[in-house]
Amino acid sequence: QVQLVESGGGLVQAGGSLRLSCTASGRIFDITAMAWYRQAPGKQREVVARISMGDTTSYEDSVKGRFTISLNNAKNTVYLQMNTLKPEDTGVYFCAADSYSGRYWGQGTQVTVSS
């Protein structure tokens, strides 16, 4: 089992920045990749950014050039640096870990971008 705890959400004006953190515990050596998802009101959850344990990254098109996902292996923590935020970035952001035993989710953190 893997446990994930997120932090860093909040309310920010359009154009501002936030950094989300997600710390993993438990069977962390089974993790193969980590990702950030978001779910806007009335919409399906979508992947925003993903990073493998080998530091290969990928991003959803709308966040390319604005968001950066990174991994601190020593702290078992994945970050999502979000810059130039837009109102359409509003939603609940979830951290996810893919491991040999399945996918695990954090509890989610709210990000609200005001116009």
PDB file of N, CA and C in Angstrom:
ATOM      1  N   GLN A   1       0.851  -1.196   0.000  1.00  0.00           N
ATOM      2  CA  GLN A   1       0.000   0.000   0.000  1.00  0.00           C
ATOM      3  C   GLN A   1       0.880   1.236   0.000  1.00  0.00           C
ATOM      4  N   VAL A   2       0.368   2.268  -0.670  1.00  0.00           N
ATOM      5  CA  VAL A   2       1.043   3.565  -0.724  1.00  0.00           C
ATOM      6  C   VAL A   2       0.068   4.614  -0.207  1.00  0.00           C
ATOM      7  N   GLN A   3       0.539   5.484   0.648  1.00  0.00           N
ATOM      8  CA  GLN A   3      -0.276   6.592   1.137  1.00  0.00           C
ATOM      9  C   GLN A   3       0.280   7.892   0.566  1.00  0.00           C
ATOM     10  N   LEU A   4      -0.630   8.779   0.167  1.00  0.00           N
ATOM     11  CA  LEU A   4      -0.246  10.053  -0.447  1.00  0.00           C
ATOM     12  C   LEU A   4      -0.922  11.194   0.306  1.00  0.00           C
ATOM     13  N   VAL A   5      -0.150  12.218   0.622  1.00  0.00           N
ATOM     14  CA  VAL A   5      -0.689  13.395   1.302  1.00  0.00           C
ATOM     15  C   VAL A   5      -0.300  14.633   0.505  1.00  0.00           C
ATOM     16  N   GLU A   6      -1.314  15.384   0.071  1.00  0.00           N
ATOM     17  CA  GLU A   6      -1.092  16.577  -0.747  1.00  0.00           C
ATOM     18  C   GLU A   6      -1.191  17.826   0.102  1.00  0.00           C
ATOM     19  N   SER A   7      -0.566  18.884  -0.383  1.00  0.00           N
ATOM     20  CA  SER A   7      -0.693  20.204   0.244  1.00  0.00           C
ATOM     21  C   SER A   7      -0.387  21.256  -0.807  1.00  0.00           C
ATOM     22  N   GLY A   8      -0.758  22.494  -0.500  1.00  0.00           N
ATOM     23  CA  GLY A   8      -0.363  23.607  -1.337  1.00  0.00           C
ATOM     24  C   GLY A   8      -1.454  24.255  -2.150  1.00  0.00           C
ATOM     25  N   GLY A   9      -2.671  23.754  -2.098  1.00  0.00           N
ATOM     26  CA  GLY A   9      -3.733  24.397  -2.855  1.00  0.00           C
ATOM     27  C   GLY A   9      -4.137  25.718  -2.226  1.00  0.00           C
ATOM     28  N   GLY A  10      -5.052  26.405  -2.894  1.00  0.00           N
ATOM     29  CA  GLY A  10      -5.525  27.676  -2.355  1.00  0.00           C
ATOM     30  C   GLY A  10      -6.195  28.517  -3.407  1.00  0.00           C
ATOM     31  N   LEU A  11      -6.398  29.777  -3.052  1.00  0.00           N
ATOM     32  CA  LEU A  11      -7.036  30.745  -3.932  1.00  0.00           C
ATOM     33  C   LEU A  11      -5.975  31.705  -4.455  1.00  0.00           C
ATOM     34  N   VAL A  12      -5.959  31.905  -5.754  1.00  0.00           N
ATOM     35  CA  VAL A  12      -4.972  32.793  -6.358  1.00  0.00           C
ATOM     36  C   VAL A  12      -5.622  33.545  -7.513  1.00  0.00           C
ATOM     37  N   GLN A  13      -5.131  34.731  -7.791  1.00  0.00           N
ATOM     38  CA  GLN A  13      -5.645  35.500  -8.921  1.00  0.00           C
ATOM     39  C   GLN A  13      -5.041  34.985 -10.228  1.00  0.00           C
ATOM     40  N   ALA A  14      -5.750  35.198 -11.310  1.00  0.00           N
ATOM     41  CA  ALA A  14      -5.238  34.818 -12.626  1.00  0.00           C
ATOM     42  C   ALA A  14      -3.865  35.453 -12.852  1.00  0.00           C
ATOM     43  N   GLY A  15      -2.960  34.654 -13.411  1.00  0.00           N
ATOM     44  CA  GLY A  15      -1.589  35.115 -13.608  1.00  0.00           C
ATOM     45  C   GLY A  15      -0.653  34.759 -12.476  1.00  0.00           C
ATOM     46  N   GLY A  16      -1.213  34.316 -11.367  1.00  0.00           N
ATOM     47  CA  GLY A  16      -0.407  33.983 -10.206  1.00  0.00           C
ATOM     48  C   GLY A  16       0.149  32.571 -10.265  1.00  0.00           C
ATOM     49  N   SER A  17       0.809  32.176  -9.164  1.00  0.00           N
ATOM     50  CA  SER A  17       1.469  30.870  -9.098  1.00  0.00           C
ATOM     51  C   SER A  17       1.099  30.143  -7.815  1.00  0.00           C
ATOM     52  N   LEU A  18       1.158  28.832  -7.887  1.00  0.00           N
ATOM     53  CA  LEU A  18       1.015  27.970  -6.727  1.00  0.00           C
ATOM     54  C   LEU A  18       1.934  26.770  -6.912  1.00  0.00           C
ATOM     55  N   ARG A  19       2.365  26.183  -5.792  1.00  0.00           N
ATOM     56  CA  ARG A  19       3.106  24.942  -5.861  1.00  0.00           C
ATOM     57  C   ARG A  19       2.416  23.898  -5.010  1.00  0.00           C
ATOM     58  N   LEU A  20       2.079  22.797  -5.640  1.00  0.00           N
ATOM     59  CA  LEU A  20       1.478  21.669  -4.934  1.00  0.00           C
ATOM     60  C   LEU A  20       2.565  20.657  -4.571  1.00  0.00           C
ATOM     61  N   SER A  21       2.385  20.027  -3.420  1.00  0.00           N
ATOM     62  CA  SER A  21       3.308  18.980  -2.973  1.00  0.00           C
ATOM     63  C   SER A  21       2.519  17.725  -2.657  1.00  0.00           C
ATOM     64  N   CYS A  22       3.159  16.596  -2.856  1.00  0.00           N
ATOM     65  CA  CYS A  22       2.536  15.303  -2.549  1.00  0.00           C
ATOM     66  C   CYS A  22       3.626  14.387  -2.009  1.00  0.00           C
ATOM     67  N   THR A  23       3.474  13.971  -0.774  1.00  0.00           N
ATOM     68  CA  THR A  23       4.475  13.115  -0.133  1.00  0.00           C
ATOM     69  C   THR A  23       3.936  11.694  -0.017  1.00  0.00           C
ATOM     70  N   ALA A  24       4.740  10.757  -0.463  1.00  0.00           N
ATOM     71  CA  ALA A  24       4.359   9.348  -0.447  1.00  0.00           C
ATOM     72  C   ALA A  24       4.986   8.635   0.733  1.00  0.00           C
ATOM     73  N   SER A  25       4.258   7.652   1.267  1.00  0.00           N
ATOM     74  CA  SER A  25       4.785   6.791   2.322  1.00  0.00           C
ATOM     75  C   SER A  25       4.260   5.380   2.085  1.00  0.00           C
ATOM     76  N   GLY A  26       4.816   4.430   2.826  1.00  0.00           N
ATOM     77  CA  GLY A  26       4.423   3.034   2.635  1.00  0.00           C
ATOM     78  C   GLY A  26       5.378   2.342   1.683  1.00  0.00           C
ATOM     79  N   ARG A  27       4.854   1.595   0.745  1.00  0.00           N
ATOM     80  CA  ARG A  27       5.668   0.812  -0.194  1.00  0.00           C
ATOM     81  C   ARG A  27       6.157   1.691  -1.356  1.00  0.00           C
ATOM     82  N   ILE A  28       6.952   2.679  -1.031  1.00  0.00           N
ATOM     83  CA  ILE A  28       7.372   3.659  -2.036  1.00  0.00           C
ATOM     84  C   ILE A  28       8.295   3.052  -3.073  1.00  0.00           C
ATOM     85  N   PHE A  29       8.972   1.970  -2.740  1.00  0.00           N
ATOM     86  CA  PHE A  29       9.904   1.370  -3.693  1.00  0.00           C
ATOM     87  C   PHE A  29       9.175   0.622  -4.807  1.00  0.00           C
ATOM     88  N   ASP A  30       7.873   0.444  -4.653  1.00  0.00           N
ATOM     89  CA  ASP A  30       7.067  -0.181  -5.700  1.00  0.00           C
ATOM     90  C   ASP A  30       6.538   0.842  -6.710  1.00  0.00           C
ATOM     91  N   ILE A  31       6.725   2.140  -6.417  1.00  0.00           N
ATOM     92  CA  ILE A  31       6.169   3.184  -7.290  1.00  0.00           C
ATOM     93  C   ILE A  31       6.959   3.271  -8.587  1.00  0.00           C
ATOM     94  N   THR A  32       6.247   3.308  -9.710  1.00  0.00           N
ATOM     95  CA  THR A  32       6.896   3.429 -11.028  1.00  0.00           C
ATOM     96  C   THR A  32       6.712   4.813 -11.632  1.00  0.00           C
ATOM     97  N   ALA A  33       5.675   5.500 -11.251  1.00  0.00           N
ATOM     98  CA  ALA A  33       5.417   6.849 -11.767  1.00  0.00           C
ATOM     99  C   ALA A  33       4.455   7.555 -10.840  1.00  0.00           C
ATOM    100  N   MET A  34       4.499   8.890 -10.913  1.00  0.00           N
ATOM    101  CA  MET A  34       3.554   9.697 -10.151  1.00  0.00           C
ATOM    102  C   MET A  34       2.962  10.749 -11.080  1.00  0.00           C
ATOM    103  N   ALA A  35       1.783  11.210 -10.729  1.00  0.00           N
ATOM    104  CA  ALA A  35       1.097  12.147 -11.607  1.00  0.00           C
ATOM    105  C   ALA A  35       0.201  13.058 -10.806  1.00  0.00           C
ATOM    106  N   TRP A  36      -0.155  14.160 -11.432  1.00  0.00           N
ATOM    107  CA  TRP A  36      -1.173  15.074 -10.916  1.00  0.00           C
ATOM    108  C   TRP A  36      -2.364  15.053 -11.866  1.00  0.00           C
ATOM    109  N   TYR A  37      -3.540  14.912 -11.284  1.00  0.00           N
ATOM    110  CA  TYR A  37      -4.793  14.974 -12.007  1.00  0.00           C
ATOM    111  C   TYR A  37      -5.581  16.167 -11.466  1.00  0.00           C
ATOM    112  N   ARG A  38      -6.524  16.643 -12.263  1.00  0.00           N
ATOM    113  CA  ARG A  38      -7.441  17.643 -11.740  1.00  0.00           C
ATOM    114  C   ARG A  38      -8.854  17.301 -12.195  1.00  0.00           C
ATOM    115  N   GLN A  39      -9.780  17.740 -11.367  1.00  0.00           N
ATOM    116  CA  GLN A  39     -11.185  17.544 -11.666  1.00  0.00           C
ATOM    117  C   GLN A  39     -11.906  18.857 -11.464  1.00  0.00           C
ATOM    118  N   ALA A  40     -12.386  19.431 -12.570  1.00  0.00           N
ATOM    119  CA  ALA A  40     -13.147  20.669 -12.515  1.00  0.00           C
ATOM    120  C   ALA A  40     -14.597  20.327 -12.222  1.00  0.00           C
ATOM    121  N   PRO A  41     -15.354  21.275 -11.680  1.00  0.00           N
ATOM    122  CA  PRO A  41     -16.762  21.019 -11.374  1.00  0.00           C
ATOM    123  C   PRO A  41     -17.515  20.523 -12.604  1.00  0.00           C
ATOM    124  N   GLY A  42     -18.207  19.405 -12.456  1.00  0.00           N
ATOM    125  CA  GLY A  42     -19.011  18.862 -13.534  1.00  0.00           C
ATOM    126  C   GLY A  42     -18.247  18.177 -14.636  1.00  0.00           C
ATOM    127  N   LYS A  43     -16.936  18.022 -14.458  1.00  0.00           N
ATOM    128  CA  LYS A  43     -16.110  17.399 -15.502  1.00  0.00           C
ATOM    129  C   LYS A  43     -15.408  16.154 -14.966  1.00  0.00           C
ATOM    130  N   GLN A  44     -14.907  15.356 -15.891  1.00  0.00           N
ATOM    131  CA  GLN A  44     -14.175  14.162 -15.504  1.00  0.00           C
ATOM    132  C   GLN A  44     -12.772  14.531 -15.047  1.00  0.00           C
ATOM    133  N   ARG A  45     -12.218  13.657 -14.229  1.00  0.00           N
ATOM    134  CA  ARG A  45     -10.837  13.836 -13.795  1.00  0.00           C
ATOM    135  C   ARG A  45      -9.904  13.626 -14.990  1.00  0.00           C
ATOM    136  N   GLU A  46      -8.915  14.523 -15.128  1.00  0.00           N
ATOM    137  CA  GLU A  46      -7.990  14.432 -16.242  1.00  0.00           C
ATOM    138  C   GLU A  46      -6.560  14.544 -15.730  1.00  0.00           C
ATOM    139  N   VAL A  47      -5.648  13.875 -16.438  1.00  0.00           N
ATOM    140  CA  VAL A  47      -4.255  13.956 -16.043  1.00  0.00           C
ATOM    141  C   VAL A  47      -3.682  15.285 -16.501  1.00  0.00           C
ATOM    142  N   VAL A  48      -2.927  15.916 -15.635  1.00  0.00           N
ATOM    143  CA  VAL A  48      -2.316  17.212 -15.928  1.00  0.00           C
ATOM    144  C   VAL A  48      -0.833  17.042 -16.243  1.00  0.00           C
ATOM    145  N   ALA A  49      -0.151  16.252 -15.421  1.00  0.00           N
ATOM    146  CA  ALA A  49       1.280  16.041 -15.612  1.00  0.00           C
ATOM    147  C   ALA A  49       1.664  14.713 -14.988  1.00  0.00           C
ATOM    148  N   ARG A  50       2.698  14.104 -15.552  1.00  0.00           N
ATOM    149  CA  ARG A  50       3.126  12.787 -15.096  1.00  0.00           C
ATOM    150  C   ARG A  50       4.652  12.732 -15.116  1.00  0.00           C
ATOM    151  N   ILE A  51       5.222  12.015 -14.149  1.00  0.00           N
ATOM    152  CA  ILE A  51       6.676  11.845 -14.106  1.00  0.00           C
ATOM    153  C   ILE A  51       6.996  10.418 -13.713  1.00  0.00           C
ATOM    154  N   SER A  52       7.914   9.817 -14.454  1.00  0.00           N
ATOM    155  CA  SER A  52       8.342   8.463 -14.119  1.00  0.00           C
ATOM    156  C   SER A  52       9.461   8.528 -13.085  1.00  0.00           C
ATOM    157  N   MET A  53       9.798   7.405 -12.495  1.00  0.00           N
ATOM    158  CA  MET A  53      10.889   7.387 -11.524  1.00  0.00           C
ATOM    159  C   MET A  53      12.225   7.664 -12.205  1.00  0.00           C
ATOM    160  N   GLY A  54      12.251   7.575 -13.537  1.00  0.00           N
ATOM    161  CA  GLY A  54      13.444   7.946 -14.290  1.00  0.00           C
ATOM    162  C   GLY A  54      13.415   9.395 -14.758  1.00  0.00           C
ATOM    163  N   ASP A  55      12.452  10.172 -14.224  1.00  0.00           N
ATOM    164  CA  ASP A  55      12.334  11.619 -14.506  1.00  0.00           C
ATOM    165  C   ASP A  55      11.832  11.942 -15.903  1.00  0.00           C
ATOM    166  N   THR A  56      11.208  11.000 -16.582  1.00  0.00           N
ATOM    167  CA  THR A  56      10.554  11.318 -17.845  1.00  0.00           C
ATOM    168  C   THR A  56       9.220  11.972 -17.540  1.00  0.00           C
ATOM    169  N   THR A  57       8.983  13.132 -18.160  1.00  0.00           N
ATOM    170  CA  THR A  57       7.774  13.899 -17.859  1.00  0.00           C
ATOM    171  C   THR A  57       6.875  14.013 -19.081  1.00  0.00           C
ATOM    172  N   SER A  58       5.606  14.230 -18.817  1.00  0.00           N
ATOM    173  CA  SER A  58       4.644  14.521 -19.872  1.00  0.00           C
ATOM    174  C   SER A  58       3.587  15.442 -19.301  1.00  0.00           C
ATOM    175  N   TYR A  59       2.964  16.253 -20.170  1.00  0.00           N
ATOM    176  CA  TYR A  59       1.999  17.263 -19.740  1.00  0.00           C
ATOM    177  C   TYR A  59       0.786  17.276 -20.655  1.00  0.00           C
ATOM    178  N   GLU A  60      -0.330  17.629 -20.067  1.00  0.00           N
ATOM    179  CA  GLU A  60      -1.528  17.894 -20.844  1.00  0.00           C
ATOM    180  C   GLU A  60      -1.289  19.170 -21.631  1.00  0.00           C
ATOM    181  N   ASP A  61      -1.822  19.253 -22.852  1.00  0.00           N
ATOM    182  CA  ASP A  61      -1.481  20.352 -23.749  1.00  0.00           C
ATOM    183  C   ASP A  61      -1.746  21.733 -23.149  1.00  0.00           C
ATOM    184  N   SER A  62      -2.830  21.892 -22.422  1.00  0.00           N
ATOM    185  CA  SER A  62      -3.201  23.227 -21.943  1.00  0.00           C
ATOM    186  C   SER A  62      -2.261  23.761 -20.864  1.00  0.00           C
ATOM    187  N   VAL A  63      -1.432  22.905 -20.283  1.00  0.00           N
ATOM    188  CA  VAL A  63      -0.549  23.364 -19.209  1.00  0.00           C
ATOM    189  C   VAL A  63       0.917  23.402 -19.631  1.00  0.00           C
ATOM    190  N   LYS A  64       1.212  22.943 -20.834  1.00  0.00           N
ATOM    191  CA  LYS A  64       2.604  22.945 -21.299  1.00  0.00           C
ATOM    192  C   LYS A  64       3.164  24.358 -21.280  1.00  0.00           C
ATOM    193  N   GLY A  65       4.362  24.500 -20.748  1.00  0.00           N
ATOM    194  CA  GLY A  65       4.999  25.799 -20.656  1.00  0.00           C
ATOM    195  C   GLY A  65       4.602  26.589 -19.427  1.00  0.00           C
ATOM    196  N   ARG A  66       3.573  26.143 -18.716  1.00  0.00           N
ATOM    197  CA  ARG A  66       3.131  26.855 -17.498  1.00  0.00           C
ATOM    198  C   ARG A  66       3.341  26.018 -16.235  1.00  0.00           C
ATOM    199  N   PHE A  67       3.162  24.718 -16.345  1.00  0.00           N
ATOM    200  CA  PHE A  67       3.278  23.818 -15.186  1.00  0.00           C
ATOM    201  C   PHE A  67       4.551  22.991 -15.304  1.00  0.00           C
ATOM    202  N   THR A  68       5.157  22.691 -14.168  1.00  0.00           N
ATOM    203  CA  THR A  68       6.338  21.840 -14.134  1.00  0.00           C
ATOM    204  C   THR A  68       6.180  20.810 -13.031  1.00  0.00           C
ATOM    205  N   ILE A  69       6.318  19.543 -13.392  1.00  0.00           N
ATOM    206  CA  ILE A  69       6.283  18.476 -12.402  1.00  0.00           C
ATOM    207  C   ILE A  69       7.712  18.054 -12.097  1.00  0.00           C
ATOM    208  N   SER A  70       7.996  17.816 -10.820  1.00  0.00           N
ATOM    209  CA  SER A  70       9.344  17.408 -10.439  1.00  0.00           C
ATOM    210  C   SER A  70       9.278  16.448  -9.263  1.00  0.00           C
ATOM    211  N   LEU A  71      10.376  15.743  -9.067  1.00  0.00           N
ATOM    212  CA  LEU A  71      10.422  14.682  -8.065  1.00  0.00           C
ATOM    213  C   LEU A  71      11.631  14.862  -7.163  1.00  0.00           C
ATOM    214  N   ASN A  72      11.418  14.795  -5.871  1.00  0.00           N
ATOM    215  CA  ASN A  72      12.509  14.798  -4.906  1.00  0.00           C
ATOM    216  C   ASN A  72      12.536  13.416  -4.265  1.00  0.00           C
ATOM    217  N   ASN A  73      13.395  12.562  -4.749  1.00  0.00           N
ATOM    218  CA  ASN A  73      13.414  11.178  -4.272  1.00  0.00           C
ATOM    219  C   ASN A  73      13.788  11.080  -2.796  1.00  0.00           C
ATOM    220  N   ALA A  74      14.671  11.972  -2.371  1.00  0.00           N
ATOM    221  CA  ALA A  74      15.096  11.921  -0.969  1.00  0.00           C
ATOM    222  C   ALA A  74      13.950  12.206  -0.019  1.00  0.00           C
ATOM    223  N   LYS A  75      12.976  12.996  -0.478  1.00  0.00           N
ATOM    224  CA  LYS A  75      11.842  13.368   0.376  1.00  0.00           C
ATOM    225  C   LYS A  75      10.581  12.604  -0.006  1.00  0.00           C
ATOM    226  N   ASN A  76      10.696  11.691  -0.973  1.00  0.00           N
ATOM    227  CA  ASN A  76       9.520  10.939  -1.438  1.00  0.00           C
ATOM    228  C   ASN A  76       8.389  11.878  -1.829  1.00  0.00           C
ATOM    229  N   THR A  77       8.739  12.987  -2.454  1.00  0.00           N
ATOM    230  CA  THR A  77       7.752  14.027  -2.722  1.00  0.00           C
ATOM    231  C   THR A  77       7.776  14.416  -4.192  1.00  0.00           C
ATOM    232  N   VAL A  78       6.574  14.589  -4.740  1.00  0.00           N
ATOM    233  CA  VAL A  78       6.428  15.118  -6.087  1.00  0.00           C
ATOM    234  C   VAL A  78       5.783  16.496  -5.999  1.00  0.00           C
ATOM    235  N   TYR A  79       6.249  17.397  -6.828  1.00  0.00           N
ATOM    236  CA  TYR A  79       5.759  18.767  -6.827  1.00  0.00           C
ATOM    237  C   TYR A  79       5.091  19.092  -8.165  1.00  0.00           C
ATOM    238  N   LEU A  80       4.180  20.042  -8.112  1.00  0.00           N
ATOM    239  CA  LEU A  80       3.626  20.627  -9.327  1.00  0.00           C
ATOM    240  C   LEU A  80       3.707  22.134  -9.173  1.00  0.00           C
ATOM    241  N   GLN A  81       4.640  22.726  -9.890  1.00  0.00           N
ATOM    242  CA  GLN A  81       4.763  24.189  -9.916  1.00  0.00           C
ATOM    243  C   GLN A  81       3.838  24.709 -11.004  1.00  0.00           C
ATOM    244  N   MET A  82       2.909  25.548 -10.611  1.00  0.00           N
ATOM    245  CA  MET A  82       1.913  26.068 -11.550  1.00  0.00           C
ATOM    246  C   MET A  82       2.089  27.570 -11.665  1.00  0.00           C
ATOM    247  N   ASN A  83       2.445  28.033 -12.846  1.00  0.00           N
ATOM    248  CA  ASN A  83       2.639  29.452 -13.109  1.00  0.00           C
ATOM    249  C   ASN A  83       1.614  29.944 -14.112  1.00  0.00           C
ATOM    250  N   THR A  84       1.465  31.260 -14.172  1.00  0.00           N
ATOM    251  CA  THR A  84       0.523  31.889 -15.108  1.00  0.00           C
ATOM    252  C   THR A  84      -0.829  31.183 -15.059  1.00  0.00           C
ATOM    253  N   LEU A  85      -1.351  31.050 -13.868  1.00  0.00           N
ATOM    254  CA  LEU A  85      -2.603  30.316 -13.685  1.00  0.00           C
ATOM    255  C   LEU A  85      -3.769  31.045 -14.350  1.00  0.00           C
ATOM    256  N   LYS A  86      -4.709  30.243 -14.838  1.00  0.00           N
ATOM    257  CA  LYS A  86      -5.897  30.757 -15.510  1.00  0.00           C
ATOM    258  C   LYS A  86      -7.137  30.261 -14.769  1.00  0.00           C
ATOM    259  N   PRO A  87      -8.254  30.969 -14.908  1.00  0.00           N
ATOM    260  CA  PRO A  87      -9.481  30.503 -14.254  1.00  0.00           C
ATOM    261  C   PRO A  87      -9.841  29.067 -14.623  1.00  0.00           C
ATOM    262  N   GLU A  88      -9.530  28.659 -15.833  1.00  0.00           N
ATOM    263  CA  GLU A  88      -9.864  27.291 -16.250  1.00  0.00           C
ATOM    264  C   GLU A  88      -8.982  26.237 -15.595  1.00  0.00           C
ATOM    265  N   ASP A  89      -7.973  26.642 -14.842  1.00  0.00           N
ATOM    266  CA  ASP A  89      -7.170  25.704 -14.067  1.00  0.00           C
ATOM    267  C   ASP A  89      -7.847  25.338 -12.741  1.00  0.00           C
ATOM    268  N   THR A  90      -8.934  26.001 -12.441  1.00  0.00           N
ATOM    269  CA  THR A  90      -9.651  25.742 -11.192  1.00  0.00           C
ATOM    270  C   THR A  90     -10.135  24.304 -11.113  1.00  0.00           C
ATOM    271  N   GLY A  91      -9.983  23.702  -9.945  1.00  0.00           N
ATOM    272  CA  GLY A  91     -10.456  22.344  -9.735  1.00  0.00           C
ATOM    273  C   GLY A  91      -9.818  21.715  -8.516  1.00  0.00           C
ATOM    274  N   VAL A  92     -10.178  20.489  -8.266  1.00  0.00           N
ATOM    275  CA  VAL A  92      -9.523  19.717  -7.218  1.00  0.00           C
ATOM    276  C   VAL A  92      -8.376  18.946  -7.860  1.00  0.00           C
ATOM    277  N   TYR A  93      -7.200  19.118  -7.310  1.00  0.00           N
ATOM    278  CA  TYR A  93      -6.008  18.469  -7.841  1.00  0.00           C
ATOM    279  C   TYR A  93      -5.684  17.249  -6.982  1.00  0.00           C
ATOM    280  N   PHE A  94      -5.501  16.125  -7.655  1.00  0.00           N
ATOM    281  CA  PHE A  94      -5.218  14.861  -6.979  1.00  0.00           C
ATOM    282  C   PHE A  94      -3.841  14.367  -7.370  1.00  0.00           C
ATOM    283  N   CYS A  95      -3.112  13.893  -6.404  1.00  0.00           N
ATOM    284  CA  CYS A  95      -1.855  13.219  -6.642  1.00  0.00           C
ATOM    285  C   CYS A  95      -2.138  11.725  -6.828  1.00  0.00           C
ATOM    286  N   ALA A  96      -1.429  11.092  -7.750  1.00  0.00           N
ATOM    287  CA  ALA A  96      -1.601   9.658  -7.979  1.00  0.00           C
ATOM    288  C   ALA A  96      -0.240   8.992  -8.086  1.00  0.00           C
ATOM    289  N   ALA A  97      -0.169   7.781  -7.588  1.00  0.00           N
ATOM    290  CA  ALA A  97       1.060   6.987  -7.693  1.00  0.00           C
ATOM    291  C   ALA A  97       0.716   5.659  -8.345  1.00  0.00           C
ATOM    292  N   ASP A  98       1.448   5.343  -9.398  1.00  0.00           N
ATOM    293  CA  ASP A  98       1.316   4.032 -10.046  1.00  0.00           C
ATOM    294  C   ASP A  98       2.390   3.120  -9.476  1.00  0.00           C
ATOM    295  N   SER A  99       1.971   1.951  -9.018  1.00  0.00           N
ATOM    296  CA  SER A  99       2.925   0.999  -8.452  1.00  0.00           C
ATOM    297  C   SER A  99       2.605  -0.392  -8.985  1.00  0.00           C
ATOM    298  N   TYR A 100       3.424  -1.347  -8.602  1.00  0.00           N
ATOM    299  CA  TYR A 100       3.208  -2.728  -9.042  1.00  0.00           C
ATOM    300  C   TYR A 100       1.921  -3.310  -8.462  1.00  0.00           C
ATOM    301  N   SER A 101       1.396  -2.676  -7.426  1.00  0.00           N
ATOM    302  CA  SER A 101       0.172  -3.180  -6.795  1.00  0.00           C
ATOM    303  C   SER A 101      -1.054  -2.368  -7.159  1.00  0.00           C
ATOM    304  N   GLY A 102      -0.907  -1.416  -8.060  1.00  0.00           N
ATOM    305  CA  GLY A 102      -2.062  -0.642  -8.490  1.00  0.00           C
ATOM    306  C   GLY A 102      -1.830   0.852  -8.420  1.00  0.00           C
ATOM    307  N   ARG A 103      -2.883   1.609  -8.586  1.00  0.00           N
ATOM    308  CA  ARG A 103      -2.831   3.077  -8.540  1.00  0.00           C
ATOM    309  C   ARG A 103      -3.404   3.542  -7.209  1.00  0.00           C
ATOM    310  N   TYR A 104      -2.711   4.479  -6.618  1.00  0.00           N
ATOM    311  CA  TYR A 104      -3.142   5.058  -5.345  1.00  0.00           C
ATOM    312  C   TYR A 104      -3.395   6.543  -5.522  1.00  0.00           C
ATOM    313  N   TRP A 105      -4.328   7.058  -4.725  1.00  0.00           N
ATOM    314  CA  TRP A 105      -4.741   8.460  -4.839  1.00  0.00           C
ATOM    315  C   TRP A 105      -4.593   9.185  -3.510  1.00  0.00           C
ATOM    316  N   GLY A 106      -4.269  10.469  -3.632  1.00  0.00           N
ATOM    317  CA  GLY A 106      -4.332  11.343  -2.471  1.00  0.00           C
ATOM    318  C   GLY A 106      -5.753  11.828  -2.278  1.00  0.00           C
ATOM    319  N   GLN A 107      -5.945  12.645  -1.244  1.00  0.00           N
ATOM    320  CA  GLN A 107      -7.289  13.104  -0.885  1.00  0.00           C
ATOM    321  C   GLN A 107      -7.744  14.289  -1.736  1.00  0.00           C
ATOM    322  N   GLY A 108      -6.812  14.929  -2.432  1.00  0.00           N
ATOM    323  CA  GLY A 108      -7.151  16.075  -3.265  1.00  0.00           C
ATOM    324  C   GLY A 108      -6.949  17.391  -2.544  1.00  0.00           C
ATOM    325  N   THR A 109      -6.607  18.407  -3.315  1.00  0.00           N
ATOM    326  CA  THR A 109      -6.456  19.758  -2.767  1.00  0.00           C
ATOM    327  C   THR A 109      -7.092  20.740  -3.749  1.00  0.00           C
ATOM    328  N   GLN A 110      -7.839  21.689  -3.211  1.00  0.00           N
ATOM    329  CA  GLN A 110      -8.590  22.623  -4.051  1.00  0.00           C
ATOM    330  C   GLN A 110      -7.683  23.750  -4.553  1.00  0.00           C
ATOM    331  N   VAL A 111      -7.775  24.017  -5.843  1.00  0.00           N
ATOM    332  CA  VAL A 111      -7.115  25.167  -6.456  1.00  0.00           C
ATOM    333  C   VAL A 111      -8.202  26.018  -7.107  1.00  0.00           C
ATOM    334  N   THR A 112      -8.263  27.269  -6.710  1.00  0.00           N
ATOM    335  CA  THR A 112      -9.244  28.190  -7.269  1.00  0.00           C
ATOM    336  C   THR A 112      -8.516  29.396  -7.831  1.00  0.00           C
ATOM    337  N   VAL A 113      -8.741  29.670  -9.114  1.00  0.00           N
ATOM    338  CA  VAL A 113      -8.106  30.805  -9.787  1.00  0.00           C
ATOM    339  C   VAL A 113      -9.192  31.811 -10.128  1.00  0.00           C
ATOM    340  N   SER A 114      -9.092  32.984  -9.552  1.00  0.00           N
ATOM    341  CA  SER A 114     -10.095  34.020  -9.788  1.00  0.00           C
ATOM    342  C   SER A 114      -9.667  34.898 -10.960  1.00  0.00           C
ATOM    343  N   SER A 115     -10.660  35.389 -11.694  1.00  0.00           N
ATOM    344  CA  SER A 115     -10.369  36.243 -12.864  1.00  0.00           C
ATOM    345  C   SER A 115     -10.287  37.689 -12.468  1.00  0.00           C
TER     346      SER A 115
END
